[in-house]
Amino acid sequence: MEAKKHNHGRLYRAKIVPFRGPPEYGEWFDTEAGLRSAMSLAARLIGNRYYCESKLLTCAECDANEVPRVIATL
């Protein structure tokens, strides 16, 4: 049986991949504007890669766990 999925919106977060070391993940935001605001305050280091990830916001009834996907790079 396929899992039910309700669309309750999307969540957005920043993913920072340093030249050396493990990726760092930011907090989840409920709007792209919130993520843009947080990223505008972040100091961006040369050599790091910056990504915006998004995932579907679901409820307990949805029984779905979507893997975050990259929607933008900086």
PDB file of N, CA and C in Angstrom:
ATOM      1  N   MET A   1       0.851  -1.183   0.000  1.00  0.00           N
ATOM      2  CA  MET A   1       0.000   0.000   0.000  1.00  0.00           C
ATOM      3  C   MET A   1       0.890   1.237   0.000  1.00  0.00           C
ATOM      4  N   GLU A   2       0.546   2.209  -0.818  1.00  0.00           N
ATOM      5  CA  GLU A   2       1.317   3.437  -0.894  1.00  0.00           C
ATOM      6  C   GLU A   2       0.976   4.346   0.279  1.00  0.00           C
ATOM      7  N   ALA A   3       1.989   5.031   0.836  1.00  0.00           N
ATOM      8  CA  ALA A   3       1.788   5.926   1.973  1.00  0.00           C
ATOM      9  C   ALA A   3       0.969   7.142   1.545  1.00  0.00           C
ATOM     10  N   LYS A   4       0.058   7.568   2.428  1.00  0.00           N
ATOM     11  CA  LYS A   4      -0.708   8.785   2.161  1.00  0.00           C
ATOM     12  C   LYS A   4       0.211   9.978   2.357  1.00  0.00           C
ATOM     13  N   LYS A   5       0.069  10.983   1.495  1.00  0.00           N
ATOM     14  CA  LYS A   5       0.854  12.202   1.617  1.00  0.00           C
ATOM     15  C   LYS A   5      -0.059  13.402   1.523  1.00  0.00           C
ATOM     16  N   HIS A   6      -0.059  14.225   2.534  1.00  0.00           N
ATOM     17  CA  HIS A   6      -0.774  15.497   2.494  1.00  0.00           C
ATOM     18  C   HIS A   6       0.269  16.591   2.315  1.00  0.00           C
ATOM     19  N   ASN A   7      -0.028  17.568   1.505  1.00  0.00           N
ATOM     20  CA  ASN A   7       0.900  18.676   1.316  1.00  0.00           C
ATOM     21  C   ASN A   7       0.582  19.763   2.335  1.00  0.00           C
ATOM     22  N   HIS A   8       1.456  19.908   3.312  1.00  0.00           N
ATOM     23  CA  HIS A   8       1.290  20.924   4.354  1.00  0.00           C
ATOM     24  C   HIS A   8       2.281  22.065   4.175  1.00  0.00           C
ATOM     25  N   GLY A   9       2.934  22.092   3.047  1.00  0.00           N
ATOM     26  CA  GLY A   9       3.934  23.123   2.789  1.00  0.00           C
ATOM     27  C   GLY A   9       5.317  22.515   2.703  1.00  0.00           C
ATOM     28  N   ARG A  10       6.331  23.379   2.709  1.00  0.00           N
ATOM     29  CA  ARG A  10       7.714  22.919   2.604  1.00  0.00           C
ATOM     30  C   ARG A  10       8.545  23.545   3.709  1.00  0.00           C
ATOM     31  N   LEU A  11       9.654  22.892   4.020  1.00  0.00           N
ATOM     32  CA  LEU A  11      10.648  23.410   4.946  1.00  0.00           C
ATOM     33  C   LEU A  11      11.942  23.631   4.182  1.00  0.00           C
ATOM     34  N   TYR A  12      12.748  24.606   4.626  1.00  0.00           N
ATOM     35  CA  TYR A  12      13.975  24.980   3.932  1.00  0.00           C
ATOM     36  C   TYR A  12      15.103  25.104   4.944  1.00  0.00           C
ATOM     37  N   ARG A  13      16.314  24.669   4.546  1.00  0.00           N
ATOM     38  CA  ARG A  13      17.477  24.836   5.406  1.00  0.00           C
ATOM     39  C   ARG A  13      18.726  24.999   4.542  1.00  0.00           C
ATOM     40  N   ALA A  14      19.764  25.551   5.180  1.00  0.00           N
ATOM     41  CA  ALA A  14      21.054  25.699   4.515  1.00  0.00           C
ATOM     42  C   ALA A  14      21.925  24.497   4.862  1.00  0.00           C
ATOM     43  N   LYS A  15      22.688  24.073   3.881  1.00  0.00           N
ATOM     44  CA  LYS A  15      23.670  23.003   4.082  1.00  0.00           C
ATOM     45  C   LYS A  15      25.006  23.574   3.630  1.00  0.00           C
ATOM     46  N   ILE A  16      25.987  23.568   4.524  1.00  0.00           N
ATOM     47  CA  ILE A  16      27.304  24.121   4.228  1.00  0.00           C
ATOM     48  C   ILE A  16      28.295  22.960   4.191  1.00  0.00           C
ATOM     49  N   VAL A  17      28.989  22.836   3.075  1.00  0.00           N
ATOM     50  CA  VAL A  17      29.975  21.772   2.922  1.00  0.00           C
ATOM     51  C   VAL A  17      31.352  22.420   2.858  1.00  0.00           C
ATOM     52  N   PRO A  18      32.137  22.305   3.948  1.00  0.00           N
ATOM     53  CA  PRO A  18      33.470  22.902   3.941  1.00  0.00           C
ATOM     54  C   PRO A  18      34.412  22.127   3.019  1.00  0.00           C
ATOM     55  N   PHE A  19      35.518  22.770   2.643  1.00  0.00           N
ATOM     56  CA  PHE A  19      36.512  22.130   1.788  1.00  0.00           C
ATOM     57  C   PHE A  19      36.991  20.830   2.434  1.00  0.00           C
ATOM     58  N   ARG A  20      37.193  20.862   3.727  1.00  0.00           N
ATOM     59  CA  ARG A  20      37.575  19.671   4.492  1.00  0.00           C
ATOM     60  C   ARG A  20      36.646  19.555   5.689  1.00  0.00           C
ATOM     61  N   GLY A  21      36.179  18.363   5.939  1.00  0.00           N
ATOM     62  CA  GLY A  21      35.313  18.142   7.095  1.00  0.00           C
ATOM     63  C   GLY A  21      33.895  17.793   6.701  1.00  0.00           C
ATOM     64  N   PRO A  22      33.103  17.460   7.707  1.00  0.00           N
ATOM     65  CA  PRO A  22      31.721  17.028   7.453  1.00  0.00           C
ATOM     66  C   PRO A  22      30.802  18.210   7.131  1.00  0.00           C
ATOM     67  N   PRO A  23      29.685  17.948   6.447  1.00  0.00           N
ATOM     68  CA  PRO A  23      28.702  19.005   6.162  1.00  0.00           C
ATOM     69  C   PRO A  23      28.090  19.548   7.454  1.00  0.00           C
ATOM     70  N   GLU A  24      27.721  20.799   7.417  1.00  0.00           N
ATOM     71  CA  GLU A  24      27.023  21.443   8.535  1.00  0.00           C
ATOM     72  C   GLU A  24      25.623  21.795   8.049  1.00  0.00           C
ATOM     73  N   TYR A  25      24.630  21.545   8.900  1.00  0.00           N
ATOM     74  CA  TYR A  25      23.243  21.808   8.525  1.00  0.00           C
ATOM     75  C   TYR A  25      22.683  22.915   9.405  1.00  0.00           C
ATOM     76  N   GLY A  26      21.964  23.834   8.781  1.00  0.00           N
ATOM     77  CA  GLY A  26      21.306  24.901   9.515  1.00  0.00           C
ATOM     78  C   GLY A  26      19.946  24.441  10.011  1.00  0.00           C
ATOM     79  N   GLU A  27      19.268  25.343  10.700  1.00  0.00           N
ATOM     80  CA  GLU A  27      17.931  25.017  11.196  1.00  0.00           C
ATOM     81  C   GLU A  27      16.924  25.061  10.047  1.00  0.00           C
ATOM     82  N   TRP A  28      15.786  24.423  10.242  1.00  0.00           N
ATOM     83  CA  TRP A  28      14.721  24.416   9.231  1.00  0.00           C
ATOM     84  C   TRP A  28      13.898  25.697   9.349  1.00  0.00           C
ATOM     85  N   PHE A  29      13.538  26.279   8.208  1.00  0.00           N
ATOM     86  CA  PHE A  29      12.686  27.465   8.141  1.00  0.00           C
ATOM     87  C   PHE A  29      11.420  27.108   7.375  1.00  0.00           C
ATOM     88  N   ASP A  30      10.320  27.783   7.710  1.00  0.00           N
ATOM     89  CA  ASP A  30       9.059  27.475   7.032  1.00  0.00           C
ATOM     90  C   ASP A  30       8.846  28.298   5.765  1.00  0.00           C
ATOM     91  N   THR A  31       9.741  29.260   5.508  1.00  0.00           N
ATOM     92  CA  THR A  31       9.651  30.042   4.277  1.00  0.00           C
ATOM     93  C   THR A  31      11.038  30.219   3.670  1.00  0.00           C
ATOM     94  N   GLU A  32      11.066  30.409   2.352  1.00  0.00           N
ATOM     95  CA  GLU A  32      12.338  30.696   1.694  1.00  0.00           C
ATOM     96  C   GLU A  32      12.884  32.041   2.168  1.00  0.00           C
ATOM     97  N   ALA A  33      11.992  32.973   2.465  1.00  0.00           N
ATOM     98  CA  ALA A  33      12.416  34.295   2.936  1.00  0.00           C
ATOM     99  C   ALA A  33      13.165  34.181   4.259  1.00  0.00           C
ATOM    100  N   GLY A  34      12.711  33.319   5.147  1.00  0.00           N
ATOM    101  CA  GLY A  34      13.402  33.109   6.424  1.00  0.00           C
ATOM    102  C   GLY A  34      14.800  32.574   6.218  1.00  0.00           C
ATOM    103  N   LEU A  35      14.949  31.643   5.293  1.00  0.00           N
ATOM    104  CA  LEU A  35      16.270  31.090   4.988  1.00  0.00           C
ATOM    105  C   LEU A  35      17.166  32.147   4.354  1.00  0.00           C
ATOM    106  N   ARG A  36      16.618  32.928   3.414  1.00  0.00           N
ATOM    107  CA  ARG A  36      17.406  33.998   2.781  1.00  0.00           C
ATOM    108  C   ARG A  36      17.898  34.998   3.805  1.00  0.00           C
ATOM    109  N   SER A  37      17.034  35.350   4.745  1.00  0.00           N
ATOM    110  CA  SER A  37      17.407  36.297   5.785  1.00  0.00           C
ATOM    111  C   SER A  37      18.548  35.750   6.640  1.00  0.00           C
ATOM    112  N   ALA A  38      18.454  34.499   7.036  1.00  0.00           N
ATOM    113  CA  ALA A  38      19.507  33.881   7.856  1.00  0.00           C
ATOM    114  C   ALA A  38      20.822  33.783   7.079  1.00  0.00           C
ATOM    115  N   MET A  39      20.746  33.440   5.795  1.00  0.00           N
ATOM    116  CA  MET A  39      21.959  33.304   4.989  1.00  0.00           C
ATOM    117  C   MET A  39      22.602  34.654   4.697  1.00  0.00           C
ATOM    118  N   SER A  40      21.806  35.713   4.652  1.00  0.00           N
ATOM    119  CA  SER A  40      22.387  37.032   4.394  1.00  0.00           C
ATOM    120  C   SER A  40      23.260  37.485   5.558  1.00  0.00           C
ATOM    121  N   LEU A  41      23.019  36.936   6.745  1.00  0.00           N
ATOM    122  CA  LEU A  41      23.805  37.294   7.924  1.00  0.00           C
ATOM    123  C   LEU A  41      25.033  36.402   8.105  1.00  0.00           C
ATOM    124  N   ALA A  42      25.087  35.295   7.376  1.00  0.00           N
ATOM    125  CA  ALA A  42      26.193  34.347   7.519  1.00  0.00           C
ATOM    126  C   ALA A  42      27.414  34.819   6.733  1.00  0.00           C
ATOM    127  N   ALA A  43      28.581  34.654   7.341  1.00  0.00           N
ATOM    128  CA  ALA A  43      29.832  34.945   6.642  1.00  0.00           C
ATOM    129  C   ALA A  43      30.161  33.750   5.762  1.00  0.00           C
ATOM    130  N   ARG A  44      30.308  33.981   4.470  1.00  0.00           N
ATOM    131  CA  ARG A  44      30.590  32.880   3.549  1.00  0.00           C
ATOM    132  C   ARG A  44      32.093  32.785   3.325  1.00  0.00           C
ATOM    133  N   LEU A  45      32.649  31.621   3.588  1.00  0.00           N
ATOM    134  CA  LEU A  45      34.080  31.405   3.467  1.00  0.00           C
ATOM    135  C   LEU A  45      34.427  30.841   2.090  1.00  0.00           C
ATOM    136  N   ILE A  46      35.542  31.288   1.538  1.00  0.00           N
ATOM    137  CA  ILE A  46      36.012  30.779   0.254  1.00  0.00           C
ATOM    138  C   ILE A  46      36.354  29.303   0.420  1.00  0.00           C
ATOM    139  N   GLY A  47      35.945  28.496  -0.528  1.00  0.00           N
ATOM    140  CA  GLY A  47      36.218  27.060  -0.480  1.00  0.00           C
ATOM    141  C   GLY A  47      35.044  26.243   0.018  1.00  0.00           C
ATOM    142  N   ASN A  48      34.136  26.874   0.760  1.00  0.00           N
ATOM    143  CA  ASN A  48      32.937  26.180   1.214  1.00  0.00           C
ATOM    144  C   ASN A  48      31.895  26.192   0.105  1.00  0.00           C
ATOM    145  N   ARG A  49      31.064  25.165   0.077  1.00  0.00           N
ATOM    146  CA  ARG A  49      29.934  25.121  -0.847  1.00  0.00           C
ATOM    147  C   ARG A  49      28.661  25.290  -0.033  1.00  0.00           C
ATOM    148  N   TYR A  50      27.720  26.078  -0.537  1.00  0.00           N
ATOM    149  CA  TYR A  50      26.494  26.395   0.172  1.00  0.00           C
ATOM    150  C   TYR A  50      25.299  25.923  -0.653  1.00  0.00           C
ATOM    151  N   TYR A  51      24.380  25.221  -0.007  1.00  0.00           N
ATOM    152  CA  TYR A  51      23.206  24.679  -0.673  1.00  0.00           C
ATOM    153  C   TYR A  51      21.954  25.053   0.096  1.00  0.00           C
ATOM    154  N   CYS A  52      20.858  25.195  -0.609  1.00  0.00           N
ATOM    155  CA  CYS A  52      19.544  25.339   0.008  1.00  0.00           C
ATOM    156  C   CYS A  52      18.812  24.031  -0.231  1.00  0.00           C
ATOM    157  N   GLU A  53      18.364  23.392   0.853  1.00  0.00           N
ATOM    158  CA  GLU A  53      17.618  22.146   0.747  1.00  0.00           C
ATOM    159  C   GLU A  53      16.160  22.390   1.101  1.00  0.00           C
ATOM    160  N   SER A  54      15.300  21.576   0.541  1.00  0.00           N
ATOM    161  CA  SER A  54      13.872  21.681   0.797  1.00  0.00           C
ATOM    162  C   SER A  54      13.295  20.288   0.980  1.00  0.00           C
ATOM    163  N   LYS A  55      12.285  20.199   1.831  1.00  0.00           N
ATOM    164  CA  LYS A  55      11.558  18.940   1.983  1.00  0.00           C
ATOM    165  C   LYS A  55      10.108  19.238   2.290  1.00  0.00           C
ATOM    166  N   LEU A  56       9.255  18.282   1.984  1.00  0.00           N
ATOM    167  CA  LEU A  56       7.826  18.394   2.204  1.00  0.00           C
ATOM    168  C   LEU A  56       7.528  18.299   3.694  1.00  0.00           C
ATOM    169  N   LEU A  57       6.713  19.195   4.184  1.00  0.00           N
ATOM    170  CA  LEU A  57       6.263  19.156   5.569  1.00  0.00           C
ATOM    171  C   LEU A  57       5.074  18.212   5.629  1.00  0.00           C
ATOM    172  N   THR A  58       5.136  17.224   6.477  1.00  0.00           N
ATOM    173  CA  THR A  58       4.081  16.212   6.553  1.00  0.00           C
ATOM    174  C   THR A  58       3.553  16.105   7.977  1.00  0.00           C
ATOM    175  N   CYS A  59       2.418  15.443   8.105  1.00  0.00           N
ATOM    176  CA  CYS A  59       1.830  15.208   9.428  1.00  0.00           C
ATOM    177  C   CYS A  59       1.975  13.730   9.781  1.00  0.00           C
ATOM    178  N   ALA A  60       1.561  13.335  10.973  1.00  0.00           N
ATOM    179  CA  ALA A  60       1.679  11.951  11.425  1.00  0.00           C
ATOM    180  C   ALA A  60       0.854  11.004  10.549  1.00  0.00           C
ATOM    181  N   GLU A  61      -0.250  11.477  10.008  1.00  0.00           N
ATOM    182  CA  GLU A  61      -1.087  10.649   9.142  1.00  0.00           C
ATOM    183  C   GLU A  61      -0.430  10.370   7.791  1.00  0.00           C
ATOM    184  N   CYS A  62       0.467  11.232   7.384  1.00  0.00           N
ATOM    185  CA  CYS A  62       1.086  11.097   6.069  1.00  0.00           C
ATOM    186  C   CYS A  62       1.962   9.854   5.959  1.00  0.00           C
ATOM    187  N   ASP A  63       2.587   9.468   7.041  1.00  0.00           N
ATOM    188  CA  ASP A  63       3.438   8.291   7.062  1.00  0.00           C
ATOM    189  C   ASP A  63       4.445   8.319   5.916  1.00  0.00           C
ATOM    190  N   ALA A  64       5.048   9.487   5.702  1.00  0.00           N
ATOM    191  CA  ALA A  64       6.033   9.628   4.633  1.00  0.00           C
ATOM    192  C   ALA A  64       7.239  10.381   5.179  1.00  0.00           C
ATOM    193  N   ASN A  65       8.404  10.014   4.723  1.00  0.00           N
ATOM    194  CA  ASN A  65       9.628  10.679   5.145  1.00  0.00           C
ATOM    195  C   ASN A  65      10.437  11.032   3.903  1.00  0.00           C
ATOM    196  N   GLU A  66      10.209  12.229   3.394  1.00  0.00           N
ATOM    197  CA  GLU A  66      10.898  12.668   2.176  1.00  0.00           C
ATOM    198  C   GLU A  66      12.319  13.088   2.506  1.00  0.00           C
ATOM    199  N   VAL A  67      13.269  12.667   1.682  1.00  0.00           N
ATOM    200  CA  VAL A  67      14.650  13.062   1.828  1.00  0.00           C
ATOM    201  C   VAL A  67      14.792  14.501   1.321  1.00  0.00           C
ATOM    202  N   PRO A  68      15.475  15.382   2.073  1.00  0.00           N
ATOM    203  CA  PRO A  68      15.652  16.749   1.584  1.00  0.00           C
ATOM    204  C   PRO A  68      16.378  16.761   0.239  1.00  0.00           C
ATOM    205  N   ARG A  69      15.975  17.688  -0.646  1.00  0.00           N
ATOM    206  CA  ARG A  69      16.628  17.799  -1.946  1.00  0.00           C
ATOM    207  C   ARG A  69      17.168  19.203  -2.131  1.00  0.00           C
ATOM    208  N   VAL A  70      18.270  19.315  -2.831  1.00  0.00           N
ATOM    209  CA  VAL A  70      18.901  20.598  -3.094  1.00  0.00           C
ATOM    210  C   VAL A  70      18.076  21.341  -4.129  1.00  0.00           C
ATOM    211  N   ILE A  71      17.726  22.605  -3.803  1.00  0.00           N
ATOM    212  CA  ILE A  71      16.958  23.414  -4.750  1.00  0.00           C
ATOM    213  C   ILE A  71      17.741  24.628  -5.240  1.00  0.00           C
ATOM    214  N   ALA A  72      18.876  24.941  -4.585  1.00  0.00           N
ATOM    215  CA  ALA A  72      19.697  26.067  -5.014  1.00  0.00           C
ATOM    216  C   ALA A  72      21.111  25.904  -4.460  1.00  0.00           C
ATOM    217  N   THR A  73      22.076  26.479  -5.145  1.00  0.00           N
ATOM    218  CA  THR A  73      23.449  26.492  -4.657  1.00  0.00           C
ATOM    219  C   THR A  73      23.966  27.919  -4.675  1.00  0.00           C
ATOM    220  N   LEU A  74      24.887  28.212  -3.783  1.00  0.00           N
ATOM    221  CA  LEU A  74      25.500  29.537  -3.731  1.00  0.00           C
ATOM    222  C   LEU A  74      26.975  29.404  -3.991  1.00  0.00           C
TER     223      LEU A  74
END
